[in-house]
C-alpha atoms as a PDB file:
ATOM      1  CA  UNK A   1      51.410  33.401 -59.780  1.00  0.00           C
ATOM      2  CA  UNK A   2      54.201  32.570 -62.558  1.00  0.00           C
ATOM      3  CA  UNK A   3      56.667  32.246 -60.253  1.00  0.00           C
ATOM      4  CA  UNK A   4      54.859  29.556 -58.242  1.00  0.00           C
ATOM      5  CA  UNK A   5      54.025  27.598 -61.435  1.00  0.00           C
ATOM      6  CA  UNK A   6      57.561  27.817 -62.897  1.00  0.00           C
ATOM      7  CA  UNK A   7      58.714  26.589 -59.344  1.00  0.00           C
ATOM      8  CA  UNK A   8      56.243  23.931 -59.528  1.00  0.00           C
ATOM      9  CA  UNK A   9      57.523  22.762 -62.944  1.00  0.00           C
ATOM     10  CA  UNK A  10      61.262  23.157 -61.963  1.00  0.00           C
ATOM     11  CA  UNK A  11      60.863  20.848 -58.625  1.00  0.00           C
ATOM     12  CA  UNK A  12      58.532  18.158 -60.593  1.00  0.00           C
ATOM     13  CA  UNK A  13      61.209  17.699 -63.311  1.00  0.00           C
ATOM     14  CA  UNK A  14      63.917  17.645 -60.724  1.00  0.00           C
ATOM     15  CA  UNK A  15      62.104  15.046 -58.716  1.00  0.00           C
ATOM     16  CA  UNK A  16      61.206  13.185 -62.028  1.00  0.00           C
ATOM     17  CA  UNK A  17      64.786  13.192 -62.925  1.00  0.00           C
ATOM     18  CA  UNK A  18      66.020  11.731 -59.110  1.00  0.00           C
ATOM     19  CA  UNK A  19      62.973   9.099 -59.317  1.00  0.00           C
ATOM     20  CA  UNK A  20      63.820   7.903 -62.941  1.00  0.00           C
ATOM     21  CA  UNK A  21      67.636   7.398 -62.110  1.00  0.00           C
ATOM     22  CA  UNK A  22      66.841   5.787 -59.050  1.00  0.00           C
ATOM     23  CA  UNK A  23      64.705   3.094 -60.857  1.00  0.00           C
ATOM     24  CA  UNK A  24      67.060   2.780 -63.768  1.00  0.00           C
ATOM     25  CA  UNK A  25      69.802   1.838 -61.244  1.00  0.00           C
ATOM     26  CA  UNK A  26      67.714  -0.351 -59.250  1.00  0.00           C
ATOM     27  CA  UNK A  27      66.371  -2.389 -62.440  1.00  0.00           C
ATOM     28  CA  UNK A  28      70.294  -2.645 -63.557  1.00  0.00           C
ATOM     29  CA  UNK A  29      71.450  -3.878 -60.255  1.00  0.00           C
ATOM     30  CA  UNK A  30      68.401  -6.409 -60.179  1.00  0.00           C
ATOM     31  CA  UNK A  31      69.354  -7.763 -63.653  1.00  0.00           C
ATOM     32  CA  UNK A  32      72.937  -8.392 -62.739  1.00  0.00           C
ATOM     33  CA  UNK A  33      72.306  -9.709 -59.317  1.00  0.00           C
ATOM     34  CA  UNK A  34      71.966 -13.336 -60.565  1.00  0.00           C
ATOM     35  CA  UNK A  35      75.487 -13.445 -62.338  1.00  0.00           C
ATOM     36  CA  UNK A  36      77.200 -11.677 -59.533  1.00  0.00           C
ATOM     37  CA  UNK A  37      75.615 -14.373 -57.190  1.00  0.00           C
ATOM     38  CA  UNK A  38      77.951 -17.101 -58.703  1.00  0.00           C
ATOM     39  CA  UNK A  39      81.089 -15.238 -58.233  1.00  0.00           C
ATOM     40  CA  UNK A  40      82.628 -18.040 -56.135  1.00  0.00           C
ATOM     41  CA  UNK A  41      82.034 -21.769 -55.691  1.00  0.00           C
ATOM     42  CA  UNK A  42      80.555 -21.412 -52.447  1.00  0.00           C
ATOM     43  CA  UNK A  43      77.970 -18.726 -53.701  1.00  0.00           C
ATOM     44  CA  UNK A  44      77.269 -20.901 -56.533  1.00  0.00           C
ATOM     45  CA  UNK A  45      76.248 -23.674 -54.136  1.00  0.00           C
ATOM     46  CA  UNK A  46      74.346 -21.483 -51.935  1.00  0.00           C
ATOM     47  CA  UNK A  47      72.598 -19.478 -54.955  1.00  0.00           C
ATOM     48  CA  UNK A  48      71.568 -23.043 -56.100  1.00  0.00           C
ATOM     49  CA  UNK A  49      70.304 -24.590 -52.781  1.00  0.00           C
ATOM     50  CA  UNK A  50      67.876 -21.141 -52.468  1.00  0.00           C
ATOM     51  CA  UNK A  51      66.518 -21.376 -55.785  1.00  0.00           C
ATOM     52  CA  UNK A  52      65.539 -25.161 -55.547  1.00  0.00           C
ATOM     53  CA  UNK A  53      65.359 -25.303 -51.715  1.00  0.00           C
ATOM     54  CA  UNK A  54      66.403 -29.095 -51.352  1.00  0.00           C
ATOM     55  CA  UNK A  55      65.269 -31.330 -48.392  1.00  0.00           C
ATOM     56  CA  UNK A  56      68.310 -32.627 -46.275  1.00  0.00           C
ATOM     57  CA  UNK A  57      68.196 -35.967 -47.996  1.00  0.00           C
ATOM     58  CA  UNK A  58      68.415 -34.251 -51.538  1.00  0.00           C
ATOM     59  CA  UNK A  59      70.966 -31.759 -50.368  1.00  0.00           C
ATOM     60  CA  UNK A  60      73.196 -34.938 -49.597  1.00  0.00           C
ATOM     61  CA  UNK A  61      72.704 -36.367 -52.877  1.00  0.00           C
ATOM     62  CA  UNK A  62      72.968 -33.516 -54.991  1.00  0.00           C
ATOM     63  CA  UNK A  63      76.070 -31.806 -53.170  1.00  0.00           C
ATOM     64  CA  UNK A  64      78.615 -33.735 -55.023  1.00  0.00           C
ATOM     65  CA  UNK A  65      76.769 -32.585 -58.525  1.00  0.00           C
ATOM     66  CA  UNK A  66      76.646 -29.233 -57.343  1.00  0.00           C
ATOM     67  CA  UNK A  67      80.089 -28.986 -56.188  1.00  0.00           C
ATOM     68  CA  UNK A  68      81.270 -30.468 -59.644  1.00  0.00           C
ATOM     69  CA  UNK A  69      79.402 -27.951 -61.559  1.00  0.00           C
ATOM     70  CA  UNK A  70      80.578 -25.024 -59.118  1.00  0.00           C
ATOM     71  CA  UNK A  71      84.229 -26.187 -59.847  1.00  0.00           C
ATOM     72  CA  UNK A  72      83.583 -26.216 -63.422  1.00  0.00           C
ATOM     73  CA  UNK A  73      81.920 -22.704 -63.463  1.00  0.00           C
ATOM     74  CA  UNK A  74      84.964 -21.402 -61.742  1.00  0.00           C
ATOM     75  CA  UNK A  75      87.335 -23.012 -64.177  1.00  0.00           C
ATOM     76  CA  UNK A  76      85.263 -21.411 -67.004  1.00  0.00           C
ATOM     77  CA  UNK A  77      85.465 -17.850 -65.588  1.00  0.00           C
ATOM     78  CA  UNK A  78      89.411 -18.405 -64.896  1.00  0.00           C
ATOM     79  CA  UNK A  79      89.669 -19.431 -68.742  1.00  0.00           C
ATOM     80  CA  UNK A  80      87.632 -16.653 -70.095  1.00  0.00           C
ATOM     81  CA  UNK A  81      89.679 -14.093 -67.990  1.00  0.00           C
ATOM     82  CA  UNK A  82      92.947 -15.464 -69.197  1.00  0.00           C
ATOM     83  CA  UNK A  83      91.646 -15.173 -72.840  1.00  0.00           C
ATOM     84  CA  UNK A  84      90.641 -11.761 -72.193  1.00  0.00           C
ATOM     85  CA  UNK A  85      94.023 -10.688 -71.169  1.00  0.00           C
ATOM     86  CA  UNK A  86      95.734 -12.259 -73.910  1.00  0.00           C
ATOM     87  CA  UNK A  87      93.511 -10.652 -76.148  1.00  0.00           C
ATOM     88  CA  UNK A  88      94.136  -7.130 -74.810  1.00  0.00           C
ATOM     89  CA  UNK A  89      97.861  -7.921 -74.632  1.00  0.00           C
ATOM     90  CA  UNK A  90      97.803  -8.608 -78.494  1.00  0.00           C
ATOM     91  CA  UNK A  91      95.890  -5.669 -78.970  1.00  0.00           C
ATOM     92  CA  UNK A  92      98.063  -3.530 -77.330  1.00  0.00           C
ATOM     93  CA  UNK A  93     101.001  -4.827 -78.974  1.00  0.00           C
ATOM     94  CA  UNK A  94      99.545  -3.991 -82.412  1.00  0.00           C
ATOM     95  CA  UNK A  95      98.704  -0.663 -81.457  1.00  0.00           C
ATOM     96  CA  UNK A  96     101.788   0.353 -79.943  1.00  0.00           C
ATOM     97  CA  UNK A  97     104.193   0.846 -82.901  1.00  0.00           C
ATOM     98  CA  UNK A  98     101.821   3.875 -83.965  1.00  0.00           C
ATOM     99  CA  UNK A  99     101.680   5.458 -80.692  1.00  0.00           C
ATOM    100  CA  UNK A 100     103.876   7.966 -78.868  1.00  0.00           C
ATOM    101  CA  UNK A 101     105.540   7.214 -75.653  1.00  0.00           C
ATOM    102  CA  UNK A 102     102.703   9.219 -73.660  1.00  0.00           C
ATOM    103  CA  UNK A 103      99.876   7.360 -75.314  1.00  0.00           C
ATOM    104  CA  UNK A 104     101.768   3.977 -74.654  1.00  0.00           C
ATOM    105  CA  UNK A 105     101.977   4.975 -71.249  1.00  0.00           C
ATOM    106  CA  UNK A 106      98.178   5.756 -71.042  1.00  0.00           C
ATOM    107  CA  UNK A 107      97.416   2.463 -72.534  1.00  0.00           C
ATOM    108  CA  UNK A 108      99.657   0.722 -70.174  1.00  0.00           C
ATOM    109  CA  UNK A 109      98.302   2.387 -66.988  1.00  0.00           C
ATOM    110  CA  UNK A 110      94.851   1.997 -68.153  1.00  0.00           C
ATOM    111  CA  UNK A 111      94.252  -1.561 -66.463  1.00  0.00           C
ATOM    112  CA  UNK A 112      95.497  -0.337 -63.265  1.00  0.00           C
ATOM    113  CA  UNK A 113      92.911   2.327 -62.823  1.00  0.00           C
ATOM    114  CA  UNK A 114      90.123   0.060 -64.113  1.00  0.00           C
ATOM    115  CA  UNK A 115      90.572  -3.083 -62.477  1.00  0.00           C
ATOM    116  CA  UNK A 116      88.249  -4.930 -60.217  1.00  0.00           C
ATOM    117  CA  UNK A 117      88.911  -6.288 -56.869  1.00  0.00           C
ATOM    118  CA  UNK A 118      89.035  -9.901 -58.077  1.00  0.00           C
ATOM    119  CA  UNK A 119      91.511  -8.952 -60.730  1.00  0.00           C
ATOM    120  CA  UNK A 120      94.520  -7.443 -58.631  1.00  0.00           C
ATOM    121  CA  UNK A 121      97.747  -9.343 -58.975  1.00  0.00           C
ATOM    122  CA  UNK A 122      98.821 -11.125 -55.757  1.00  0.00           C
ATOM    123  CA  UNK A 123     102.169  -9.429 -55.417  1.00  0.00           C
ATOM    124  CA  UNK A 124     103.812  -6.378 -56.991  1.00  0.00           C
ATOM    125  CA  UNK A 125     106.323  -8.513 -58.959  1.00  0.00           C
ATOM    126  CA  UNK A 126     103.217  -9.757 -60.798  1.00  0.00           C
ATOM    127  CA  UNK A 127     102.233  -6.408 -61.556  1.00  0.00           C
ATOM    128  CA  UNK A 128     105.267  -5.105 -62.935  1.00  0.00           C
ATOM    129  CA  UNK A 129     105.862  -8.186 -65.226  1.00  0.00           C
ATOM    130  CA  UNK A 130     102.553  -7.629 -66.743  1.00  0.00           C
ATOM    131  CA  UNK A 131     103.543  -4.005 -67.542  1.00  0.00           C
ATOM    132  CA  UNK A 132     106.906  -4.867 -69.535  1.00  0.00           C
END
C-alpha cells in the first residue's frame, strides 16, 4: 500500500511540474507575441489592421499613416540596435586591459554564439571587422 501511495505522489509531482512548465512558457510566449509581431514594416501594418479591422475605405485613408509609422518604428529599432552595439564595444574595450588572452577571446566570441537571426552580418568581411 505504501508503494502505491508513494508512486501516486511522485507521479503527481512530475505531472504538476510538467503542467507548470508548459503553462509558464505559454504565458511568456503570449506576453511577447505583440512585440514580436512588430518585427518588420509589413508585420507592423498587418498587426495594426488586424487590431482595428478597417473597412476598405478606411484602409485607403490610413495606409499612408500606418506606413509612415511603420518606417519610423523600423528606424527606431535600427537606431537602438546600433546604440546597443556601441555600448558593448565600449564596455569590452574598458574590460580588456584587465583580462588575459583567453578571457578576451571568450569575450569576443560571446556575441557569435548568442546572435539572433536578424543580427547576423551580411558578409564574412563585416563579421571579421567587428572582431578586430
